[in-house]
Amino acid sequence: MRELILLRHAKQERSAAATDFEHPLSAQGRRDAARMGRWLLAQGLVPDHLVASPALRARETTEFLVEAAGFQGVVAWERRIYENTRPALLEVLKNCPTAAARVLLVGHNPALAELLVYLGQRTAPEPEDGNLLPTATAAHLKVHALAAGGATVRTLTRPSSLPETS
């Protein structure tokens, strides 16, 4: 793996009837997921391999993103991402195909933000609002090793920073 894109699921709809695993995306979340997919396509960042949490909000984020980005591969739905721990995410990444030059991981905070800080230590940005990975935000990293400080953060892109047509 040479490049890694970490994407937090898009904004979810809260429902008292749903378990945490079953929260769907809000209308804004669906728009943001598609916007990020179009951004990936425009930036030439469509992944070779995509692995995502099977939780409904992450699944829907992935589906909207895949359609907008024109991703042609198979999505690997990985329950360990929902465990929401940095060690679980590292294990998932270590098991990705070695031929994949660009991997996209769709998951949840706080583990995604912890992974970003762990891998990109000195290059992880410090946002003014203190929220490193708000919903539907993508972090693009150049990976040298899946270890502390083993990556360089290239970009951190929030859907709100993109034009409506992106």
N, C-alpha and C. Protein backbone atom coordinates (compact mmCIF):
# COMPACT_ATOMS: atom_id res chain seq x y z
N MET A 1 0.84 -1.18 0.00
CA MET A 1 0.00 0.00 0.00
C MET A 1 0.89 1.24 0.00
N ARG A 2 0.61 2.12 -0.93
CA ARG A 2 1.38 3.37 -1.01
C ARG A 2 0.55 4.56 -0.59
N GLU A 3 -0.75 4.49 -0.82
CA GLU A 3 -1.64 5.58 -0.45
C GLU A 3 -2.81 5.02 0.35
N LEU A 4 -3.27 5.82 1.29
CA LEU A 4 -4.40 5.43 2.13
C LEU A 4 -5.33 6.63 2.22
N ILE A 5 -6.60 6.38 2.05
CA ILE A 5 -7.62 7.40 2.26
C ILE A 5 -8.50 6.91 3.39
N LEU A 6 -8.56 7.70 4.45
CA LEU A 6 -9.45 7.41 5.57
C LEU A 6 -10.67 8.30 5.40
N LEU A 7 -11.85 7.72 5.41
CA LEU A 7 -13.07 8.49 5.25
C LEU A 7 -14.03 8.13 6.38
N ARG A 8 -14.39 9.14 7.14
CA ARG A 8 -15.41 8.92 8.17
C ARG A 8 -16.77 8.88 7.49
N HIS A 9 -17.65 8.03 7.98
CA HIS A 9 -19.01 7.95 7.43
C HIS A 9 -19.66 9.34 7.44
N ALA A 10 -20.62 9.54 6.56
CA ALA A 10 -21.33 10.81 6.46
C ALA A 10 -22.34 10.96 7.61
N LYS A 11 -22.94 12.13 7.68
CA LYS A 11 -23.86 12.47 8.77
C LYS A 11 -25.02 11.48 8.82
N GLN A 12 -25.29 10.99 10.01
CA GLN A 12 -26.34 10.00 10.20
C GLN A 12 -27.62 10.64 10.72
N GLU A 13 -28.69 9.92 10.51
CA GLU A 13 -30.01 10.29 11.04
C GLU A 13 -30.15 9.57 12.37
N ARG A 14 -30.52 10.28 13.39
CA ARG A 14 -30.75 9.65 14.70
C ARG A 14 -32.17 9.12 14.77
N SER A 15 -32.30 7.92 15.26
CA SER A 15 -33.61 7.32 15.41
C SER A 15 -33.64 6.53 16.70
N ALA A 16 -34.62 6.79 17.52
CA ALA A 16 -34.73 6.09 18.81
C ALA A 16 -34.98 4.60 18.60
N ALA A 17 -35.59 4.25 17.47
CA ALA A 17 -35.91 2.84 17.20
C ALA A 17 -34.71 2.05 16.71
N ALA A 18 -33.69 2.72 16.25
CA ALA A 18 -32.55 2.03 15.65
C ALA A 18 -31.44 1.79 16.68
N THR A 19 -30.73 0.68 16.51
CA THR A 19 -29.52 0.47 17.30
C THR A 19 -28.42 1.32 16.69
N ASP A 20 -27.30 1.44 17.37
CA ASP A 20 -26.18 2.22 16.83
C ASP A 20 -25.77 1.70 15.45
N PHE A 21 -25.80 0.40 15.28
CA PHE A 21 -25.40 -0.22 14.01
C PHE A 21 -26.37 0.12 12.88
N GLU A 22 -27.61 0.45 13.21
CA GLU A 22 -28.67 0.62 12.21
C GLU A 22 -29.00 2.07 11.86
N HIS A 23 -28.24 3.05 12.35
CA HIS A 23 -28.54 4.45 12.02
C HIS A 23 -28.27 4.72 10.54
N PRO A 24 -29.28 5.19 9.79
CA PRO A 24 -29.09 5.50 8.37
C PRO A 24 -28.50 6.90 8.20
N LEU A 25 -28.14 7.23 6.98
CA LEU A 25 -27.67 8.58 6.68
C LEU A 25 -28.83 9.57 6.65
N SER A 26 -28.51 10.81 6.98
CA SER A 26 -29.47 11.90 6.82
C SER A 26 -29.42 12.33 5.35
N ALA A 27 -30.33 13.21 4.96
CA ALA A 27 -30.31 13.75 3.59
C ALA A 27 -28.98 14.45 3.33
N GLN A 28 -28.50 15.22 4.31
CA GLN A 28 -27.21 15.90 4.17
C GLN A 28 -26.08 14.88 4.02
N GLY A 29 -26.16 13.80 4.78
CA GLY A 29 -25.15 12.76 4.69
C GLY A 29 -25.09 12.12 3.31
N ARG A 30 -26.24 11.88 2.72
CA ARG A 30 -26.27 11.30 1.37
C ARG A 30 -25.65 12.26 0.36
N ARG A 31 -25.95 13.55 0.48
CA ARG A 31 -25.35 14.55 -0.43
C ARG A 31 -23.84 14.63 -0.24
N ASP A 32 -23.40 14.63 1.02
CA ASP A 32 -21.96 14.74 1.30
C ASP A 32 -21.20 13.51 0.83
N ALA A 33 -21.77 12.33 1.00
CA ALA A 33 -21.09 11.10 0.55
C ALA A 33 -20.91 11.13 -0.97
N ALA A 34 -21.94 11.53 -1.68
CA ALA A 34 -21.83 11.63 -3.15
C ALA A 34 -20.83 12.72 -3.53
N ARG A 35 -20.84 13.82 -2.82
CA ARG A 35 -19.89 14.92 -3.09
C ARG A 35 -18.46 14.44 -2.93
N MET A 36 -18.21 13.66 -1.89
CA MET A 36 -16.85 13.15 -1.67
C MET A 36 -16.47 12.14 -2.75
N GLY A 37 -17.42 11.37 -3.23
CA GLY A 37 -17.14 10.45 -4.34
C GLY A 37 -16.75 11.21 -5.60
N ARG A 38 -17.47 12.27 -5.90
CA ARG A 38 -17.13 13.09 -7.08
C ARG A 38 -15.77 13.74 -6.90
N TRP A 39 -15.45 14.14 -5.67
CA TRP A 39 -14.14 14.74 -5.38
C TRP A 39 -13.03 13.71 -5.61
N LEU A 40 -13.21 12.48 -5.12
CA LEU A 40 -12.21 11.43 -5.35
C LEU A 40 -11.96 11.24 -6.84
N LEU A 41 -13.03 11.19 -7.61
CA LEU A 41 -12.91 11.01 -9.05
C LEU A 41 -12.15 12.18 -9.67
N ALA A 42 -12.53 13.40 -9.31
CA ALA A 42 -11.90 14.60 -9.88
C ALA A 42 -10.42 14.70 -9.52
N GLN A 43 -10.05 14.21 -8.34
CA GLN A 43 -8.66 14.28 -7.88
C GLN A 43 -7.82 13.09 -8.35
N GLY A 44 -8.44 12.15 -9.04
CA GLY A 44 -7.71 10.95 -9.47
C GLY A 44 -7.38 10.04 -8.29
N LEU A 45 -8.26 10.02 -7.29
CA LEU A 45 -8.01 9.24 -6.07
C LEU A 45 -8.97 8.06 -5.89
N VAL A 46 -9.56 7.59 -6.97
CA VAL A 46 -10.43 6.42 -6.86
C VAL A 46 -9.55 5.25 -6.42
N PRO A 47 -9.95 4.54 -5.37
CA PRO A 47 -9.08 3.50 -4.81
C PRO A 47 -9.00 2.23 -5.67
N ASP A 48 -7.95 1.47 -5.41
CA ASP A 48 -7.80 0.14 -5.98
C ASP A 48 -8.55 -0.88 -5.12
N HIS A 49 -8.62 -0.58 -3.83
CA HIS A 49 -9.26 -1.48 -2.88
C HIS A 49 -10.04 -0.63 -1.89
N LEU A 50 -11.26 -1.06 -1.59
CA LEU A 50 -12.12 -0.32 -0.67
C LEU A 50 -12.62 -1.28 0.40
N VAL A 51 -12.40 -0.90 1.65
CA VAL A 51 -12.85 -1.70 2.77
C VAL A 51 -13.65 -0.79 3.70
N ALA A 52 -14.82 -1.27 4.14
CA ALA A 52 -15.73 -0.41 4.88
C ALA A 52 -16.42 -1.16 6.01
N SER A 53 -16.83 -0.40 7.00
CA SER A 53 -17.65 -0.92 8.08
C SER A 53 -19.01 -1.31 7.53
N PRO A 54 -19.60 -2.40 8.03
CA PRO A 54 -20.92 -2.78 7.57
C PRO A 54 -22.07 -2.06 8.30
N ALA A 55 -21.76 -1.19 9.26
CA ALA A 55 -22.81 -0.42 9.93
C ALA A 55 -23.57 0.36 8.86
N LEU A 56 -24.87 0.52 9.03
CA LEU A 56 -25.71 1.09 7.99
C LEU A 56 -25.21 2.46 7.51
N ARG A 57 -24.82 3.35 8.42
CA ARG A 57 -24.38 4.68 8.00
C ARG A 57 -23.11 4.62 7.17
N ALA A 58 -22.20 3.70 7.50
CA ALA A 58 -20.97 3.52 6.73
C ALA A 58 -21.27 2.82 5.40
N ARG A 59 -22.18 1.86 5.44
CA ARG A 59 -22.57 1.15 4.21
C ARG A 59 -23.20 2.12 3.22
N GLU A 60 -24.12 2.96 3.69
CA GLU A 60 -24.76 3.92 2.80
C GLU A 60 -23.76 4.97 2.29
N THR A 61 -22.87 5.42 3.16
CA THR A 61 -21.81 6.35 2.74
C THR A 61 -21.02 5.74 1.60
N THR A 62 -20.62 4.49 1.77
CA THR A 62 -19.83 3.78 0.78
C THR A 62 -20.60 3.64 -0.53
N GLU A 63 -21.86 3.29 -0.45
CA GLU A 63 -22.66 3.11 -1.67
C GLU A 63 -22.80 4.40 -2.46
N PHE A 64 -23.09 5.52 -1.79
CA PHE A 64 -23.20 6.80 -2.49
C PHE A 64 -21.85 7.23 -3.06
N LEU A 65 -20.79 7.02 -2.30
CA LEU A 65 -19.44 7.39 -2.73
C LEU A 65 -19.01 6.57 -3.94
N VAL A 66 -19.23 5.26 -3.89
CA VAL A 66 -18.85 4.34 -4.97
C VAL A 66 -19.54 4.73 -6.27
N GLU A 67 -20.82 5.02 -6.20
CA GLU A 67 -21.56 5.40 -7.41
C GLU A 67 -21.02 6.70 -7.99
N ALA A 68 -20.79 7.70 -7.14
CA ALA A 68 -20.32 9.00 -7.62
C ALA A 68 -18.88 8.95 -8.13
N ALA A 69 -18.06 8.09 -7.54
CA ALA A 69 -16.64 8.00 -7.93
C ALA A 69 -16.42 7.07 -9.11
N GLY A 70 -17.42 6.24 -9.42
CA GLY A 70 -17.25 5.28 -10.50
C GLY A 70 -16.34 4.13 -10.12
N PHE A 71 -16.27 3.81 -8.82
CA PHE A 71 -15.46 2.68 -8.35
C PHE A 71 -16.01 1.39 -8.94
N GLN A 72 -15.14 0.61 -9.59
CA GLN A 72 -15.56 -0.61 -10.28
C GLN A 72 -15.26 -1.89 -9.51
N GLY A 73 -14.54 -1.77 -8.41
CA GLY A 73 -14.13 -2.97 -7.68
C GLY A 73 -15.22 -3.49 -6.75
N VAL A 74 -14.83 -4.45 -5.97
CA VAL A 74 -15.71 -5.06 -4.97
C VAL A 74 -15.39 -4.43 -3.62
N VAL A 75 -16.42 -4.05 -2.89
CA VAL A 75 -16.23 -3.49 -1.56
C VAL A 75 -16.09 -4.64 -0.56
N ALA A 76 -15.06 -4.56 0.27
CA ALA A 76 -14.88 -5.54 1.34
C ALA A 76 -15.54 -4.96 2.60
N TRP A 77 -16.62 -5.61 3.07
CA TRP A 77 -17.31 -5.18 4.27
C TRP A 77 -16.65 -5.86 5.46
N GLU A 78 -16.09 -5.09 6.34
CA GLU A 78 -15.25 -5.63 7.41
C GLU A 78 -15.80 -5.24 8.78
N ARG A 79 -16.32 -6.21 9.50
CA ARG A 79 -16.93 -5.97 10.82
C ARG A 79 -15.93 -5.39 11.83
N ARG A 80 -14.65 -5.73 11.69
CA ARG A 80 -13.65 -5.24 12.65
C ARG A 80 -13.55 -3.71 12.63
N ILE A 81 -13.92 -3.07 11.54
CA ILE A 81 -13.88 -1.61 11.49
C ILE A 81 -14.90 -1.05 12.48
N TYR A 82 -16.02 -1.71 12.62
CA TYR A 82 -17.07 -1.25 13.55
C TYR A 82 -16.62 -1.38 15.01
N GLU A 83 -15.64 -2.22 15.28
CA GLU A 83 -15.11 -2.34 16.65
C GLU A 83 -14.56 -1.00 17.12
N ASN A 84 -14.15 -0.17 16.16
CA ASN A 84 -13.76 1.20 16.41
C ASN A 84 -12.54 1.34 17.33
N THR A 85 -11.52 0.51 17.06
CA THR A 85 -10.26 0.64 17.78
C THR A 85 -9.13 0.78 16.76
N ARG A 86 -8.11 1.53 17.13
CA ARG A 86 -6.97 1.69 16.23
C ARG A 86 -6.30 0.36 15.91
N PRO A 87 -6.09 -0.54 16.89
CA PRO A 87 -5.48 -1.84 16.57
C PRO A 87 -6.32 -2.64 15.57
N ALA A 88 -7.64 -2.59 15.68
CA ALA A 88 -8.49 -3.32 14.73
C ALA A 88 -8.32 -2.74 13.32
N LEU A 89 -8.26 -1.41 13.22
CA LEU A 89 -8.09 -0.79 11.90
C LEU A 89 -6.74 -1.14 11.31
N LEU A 90 -5.70 -1.15 12.12
CA LEU A 90 -4.37 -1.53 11.62
C LEU A 90 -4.37 -2.97 11.11
N GLU A 91 -5.06 -3.86 11.81
CA GLU A 91 -5.14 -5.25 11.36
C GLU A 91 -5.87 -5.35 10.03
N VAL A 92 -6.95 -4.60 9.89
CA VAL A 92 -7.69 -4.58 8.63
C VAL A 92 -6.77 -4.11 7.50
N LEU A 93 -6.03 -3.05 7.73
CA LEU A 93 -5.13 -2.52 6.70
C LEU A 93 -4.01 -3.50 6.36
N LYS A 94 -3.49 -4.20 7.36
CA LYS A 94 -2.42 -5.18 7.12
C LYS A 94 -2.91 -6.34 6.26
N ASN A 95 -4.21 -6.59 6.27
CA ASN A 95 -4.78 -7.69 5.49
C ASN A 95 -5.27 -7.28 4.11
N CYS A 96 -5.07 -6.01 3.74
CA CYS A 96 -5.46 -5.56 2.40
C CYS A 96 -4.52 -6.17 1.37
N PRO A 97 -4.99 -6.35 0.14
CA PRO A 97 -4.13 -6.93 -0.90
C PRO A 97 -2.85 -6.10 -1.09
N THR A 98 -1.73 -6.79 -1.18
CA THR A 98 -0.45 -6.08 -1.34
C THR A 98 -0.36 -5.36 -2.68
N ALA A 99 -1.14 -5.81 -3.66
CA ALA A 99 -1.11 -5.17 -4.98
C ALA A 99 -1.88 -3.85 -5.00
N ALA A 100 -2.66 -3.56 -3.97
CA ALA A 100 -3.46 -2.33 -3.94
C ALA A 100 -2.55 -1.14 -3.66
N ALA A 101 -2.44 -0.25 -4.63
CA ALA A 101 -1.61 0.95 -4.47
C ALA A 101 -2.34 2.03 -3.68
N ARG A 102 -3.67 2.02 -3.74
CA ARG A 102 -4.47 3.03 -3.03
C ARG A 102 -5.64 2.33 -2.35
N VAL A 103 -5.70 2.43 -1.03
CA VAL A 103 -6.76 1.80 -0.25
C VAL A 103 -7.62 2.89 0.37
N LEU A 104 -8.93 2.70 0.32
CA LEU A 104 -9.88 3.58 0.98
C LEU A 104 -10.53 2.80 2.10
N LEU A 105 -10.51 3.36 3.31
CA LEU A 105 -11.13 2.75 4.47
C LEU A 105 -12.24 3.67 4.95
N VAL A 106 -13.47 3.16 5.00
CA VAL A 106 -14.62 3.94 5.46
C VAL A 106 -15.00 3.42 6.84
N GLY A 107 -14.97 4.32 7.83
CA GLY A 107 -15.25 3.88 9.18
C GLY A 107 -15.78 4.97 10.09
N HIS A 108 -15.38 4.87 11.35
CA HIS A 108 -15.99 5.65 12.43
C HIS A 108 -14.93 6.32 13.30
N ASN A 109 -15.32 7.42 13.91
CA ASN A 109 -14.51 8.02 14.97
C ASN A 109 -14.91 7.36 16.28
N PRO A 110 -14.05 7.34 17.27
CA PRO A 110 -12.77 8.03 17.34
C PRO A 110 -11.59 7.28 16.72
N ALA A 111 -11.80 6.01 16.35
CA ALA A 111 -10.67 5.20 15.87
C ALA A 111 -10.03 5.75 14.61
N LEU A 112 -10.83 6.27 13.67
CA LEU A 112 -10.23 6.81 12.44
C LEU A 112 -9.32 7.99 12.74
N ALA A 113 -9.79 8.90 13.59
CA ALA A 113 -8.97 10.07 13.95
C ALA A 113 -7.71 9.62 14.69
N GLU A 114 -7.85 8.63 15.57
CA GLU A 114 -6.68 8.10 16.29
C GLU A 114 -5.68 7.48 15.32
N LEU A 115 -6.18 6.75 14.33
CA LEU A 115 -5.30 6.15 13.34
C LEU A 115 -4.58 7.22 12.52
N LEU A 116 -5.31 8.26 12.15
CA LEU A 116 -4.71 9.36 11.39
C LEU A 116 -3.57 10.01 12.18
N VAL A 117 -3.79 10.28 13.44
CA VAL A 117 -2.76 10.90 14.28
C VAL A 117 -1.59 9.94 14.47
N TYR A 118 -1.88 8.67 14.69
CA TYR A 118 -0.84 7.65 14.88
C TYR A 118 0.06 7.53 13.65
N LEU A 119 -0.56 7.37 12.49
CA LEU A 119 0.23 7.18 11.27
C LEU A 119 0.91 8.48 10.82
N GLY A 120 0.19 9.59 10.89
CA GLY A 120 0.69 10.83 10.34
C GLY A 120 1.27 11.78 11.37
N GLN A 121 1.69 11.27 12.49
CA GLN A 121 2.11 12.03 13.66
C GLN A 121 2.49 13.48 13.42
N ARG A 122 3.59 13.74 12.82
CA ARG A 122 4.06 15.13 12.68
C ARG A 122 3.35 15.88 11.56
N THR A 123 2.63 15.18 10.70
CA THR A 123 2.00 15.85 9.56
C THR A 123 0.48 15.96 9.70
N ALA A 124 -0.09 15.41 10.76
CA ALA A 124 -1.54 15.51 10.95
C ALA A 124 -1.89 16.95 11.30
N PRO A 125 -2.83 17.53 10.58
CA PRO A 125 -3.19 18.92 10.83
C PRO A 125 -3.93 19.09 12.16
N GLU A 126 -3.94 20.29 12.66
CA GLU A 126 -4.70 20.62 13.86
C GLU A 126 -5.77 21.63 13.47
N PRO A 127 -6.99 21.16 13.17
CA PRO A 127 -8.05 22.06 12.73
C PRO A 127 -8.40 23.08 13.82
N GLU A 128 -8.79 24.25 13.38
CA GLU A 128 -9.15 25.31 14.32
C GLU A 128 -10.30 24.91 15.23
N ASP A 129 -11.26 24.14 14.70
CA ASP A 129 -12.41 23.75 15.50
C ASP A 129 -12.13 22.51 16.36
N GLY A 130 -10.93 21.95 16.25
CA GLY A 130 -10.54 20.80 17.06
C GLY A 130 -11.12 19.48 16.59
N ASN A 131 -11.89 19.48 15.52
CA ASN A 131 -12.51 18.26 15.00
C ASN A 131 -11.72 17.78 13.79
N LEU A 132 -10.84 16.83 14.01
CA LEU A 132 -9.94 16.35 12.96
C LEU A 132 -10.68 15.67 11.82
N LEU A 133 -11.63 14.81 12.13
CA LEU A 133 -12.37 14.08 11.09
C LEU A 133 -13.88 14.18 11.32
N PRO A 134 -14.46 15.33 10.98
CA PRO A 134 -15.93 15.39 11.05
C PRO A 134 -16.54 14.47 10.00
N THR A 135 -17.84 14.30 10.04
CA THR A 135 -18.50 13.37 9.12
C THR A 135 -18.17 13.68 7.67
N ALA A 136 -17.98 12.61 6.90
CA ALA A 136 -17.69 12.62 5.46
C ALA A 136 -16.38 13.29 5.10
N THR A 137 -15.48 13.43 6.05
CA THR A 137 -14.17 14.03 5.78
C THR A 137 -13.19 12.94 5.37
N ALA A 138 -12.34 13.26 4.39
CA ALA A 138 -11.34 12.32 3.88
C ALA A 138 -9.94 12.82 4.20
N ALA A 139 -9.13 11.91 4.70
CA ALA A 139 -7.71 12.18 4.91
C ALA A 139 -6.94 11.34 3.91
N HIS A 140 -6.10 11.97 3.11
CA HIS A 140 -5.30 11.27 2.09
C HIS A 140 -3.87 11.21 2.61
N LEU A 141 -3.33 10.00 2.74
CA LEU A 141 -1.99 9.80 3.29
C LEU A 141 -1.09 9.06 2.31
N LYS A 142 0.16 9.40 2.34
CA LYS A 142 1.22 8.64 1.67
C LYS A 142 1.80 7.73 2.76
N VAL A 143 1.71 6.43 2.56
CA VAL A 143 2.11 5.47 3.59
C VAL A 143 3.46 4.85 3.28
N HIS A 144 4.34 4.91 4.25
CA HIS A 144 5.65 4.27 4.16
C HIS A 144 5.65 2.97 4.96
N ALA A 145 4.91 3.01 6.10
CA ALA A 145 4.81 1.84 6.97
C ALA A 145 3.56 1.99 7.82
N LEU A 146 2.93 0.88 8.15
CA LEU A 146 1.76 0.92 9.04
C LEU A 146 2.25 0.90 10.49
N ALA A 147 2.90 2.01 10.86
CA ALA A 147 3.50 2.15 12.18
C ALA A 147 3.41 3.61 12.59
N ALA A 148 3.70 3.87 13.84
CA ALA A 148 3.67 5.25 14.35
C ALA A 148 4.56 6.14 13.49
N GLY A 149 4.00 7.21 12.96
CA GLY A 149 4.76 8.13 12.12
C GLY A 149 5.08 7.58 10.74
N GLY A 150 4.45 6.49 10.35
CA GLY A 150 4.78 5.83 9.08
C GLY A 150 4.09 6.39 7.85
N ALA A 151 3.44 7.54 7.99
CA ALA A 151 2.73 8.13 6.84
C ALA A 151 2.84 9.65 6.89
N THR A 152 2.62 10.23 5.73
CA THR A 152 2.57 11.69 5.60
C THR A 152 1.16 12.06 5.16
N VAL A 153 0.54 12.98 5.89
CA VAL A 153 -0.79 13.43 5.52
C VAL A 153 -0.65 14.42 4.37
N ARG A 154 -1.27 14.08 3.25
CA ARG A 154 -1.22 14.96 2.07
C ARG A 154 -2.34 15.99 2.11
N THR A 155 -3.57 15.52 2.33
CA THR A 155 -4.70 16.44 2.38
C THR A 155 -5.72 15.96 3.41
N LEU A 156 -6.47 16.90 3.89
CA LEU A 156 -7.62 16.62 4.75
C LEU A 156 -8.76 17.43 4.14
N THR A 157 -9.77 16.75 3.61
CA THR A 157 -10.82 17.42 2.85
C THR A 157 -12.19 17.17 3.46
N ARG A 158 -12.84 18.27 3.80
CA ARG A 158 -14.20 18.23 4.33
C ARG A 158 -15.18 18.51 3.19
N PRO A 159 -16.33 17.86 3.19
CA PRO A 159 -17.29 18.13 2.11
C PRO A 159 -17.72 19.60 2.08
N SER A 160 -17.74 20.24 3.24
CA SER A 160 -18.15 21.65 3.29
C SER A 160 -17.15 22.58 2.59
N SER A 161 -15.94 22.09 2.34
CA SER A 161 -14.93 22.91 1.65
C SER A 161 -15.03 22.78 0.13
N LEU A 162 -15.89 21.88 -0.34
CA LEU A 162 -16.03 21.63 -1.76
C LEU A 162 -17.24 22.34 -2.33
N PRO A 163 -17.16 22.74 -3.60
CA PRO A 163 -18.35 23.32 -4.23
C PRO A 163 -19.46 22.28 -4.31
N GLU A 164 -20.68 22.72 -4.33
CA GLU A 164 -21.85 21.84 -4.39
C GLU A 164 -21.76 20.83 -5.52
N THR A 165 -21.13 21.16 -6.63
CA THR A 165 -21.05 20.26 -7.78
C THR A 165 -19.87 19.30 -7.71
N SER A 166 -19.03 19.41 -6.69
CA SER A 166 -17.85 18.52 -6.59
C SER A 166 -18.28 17.13 -6.20
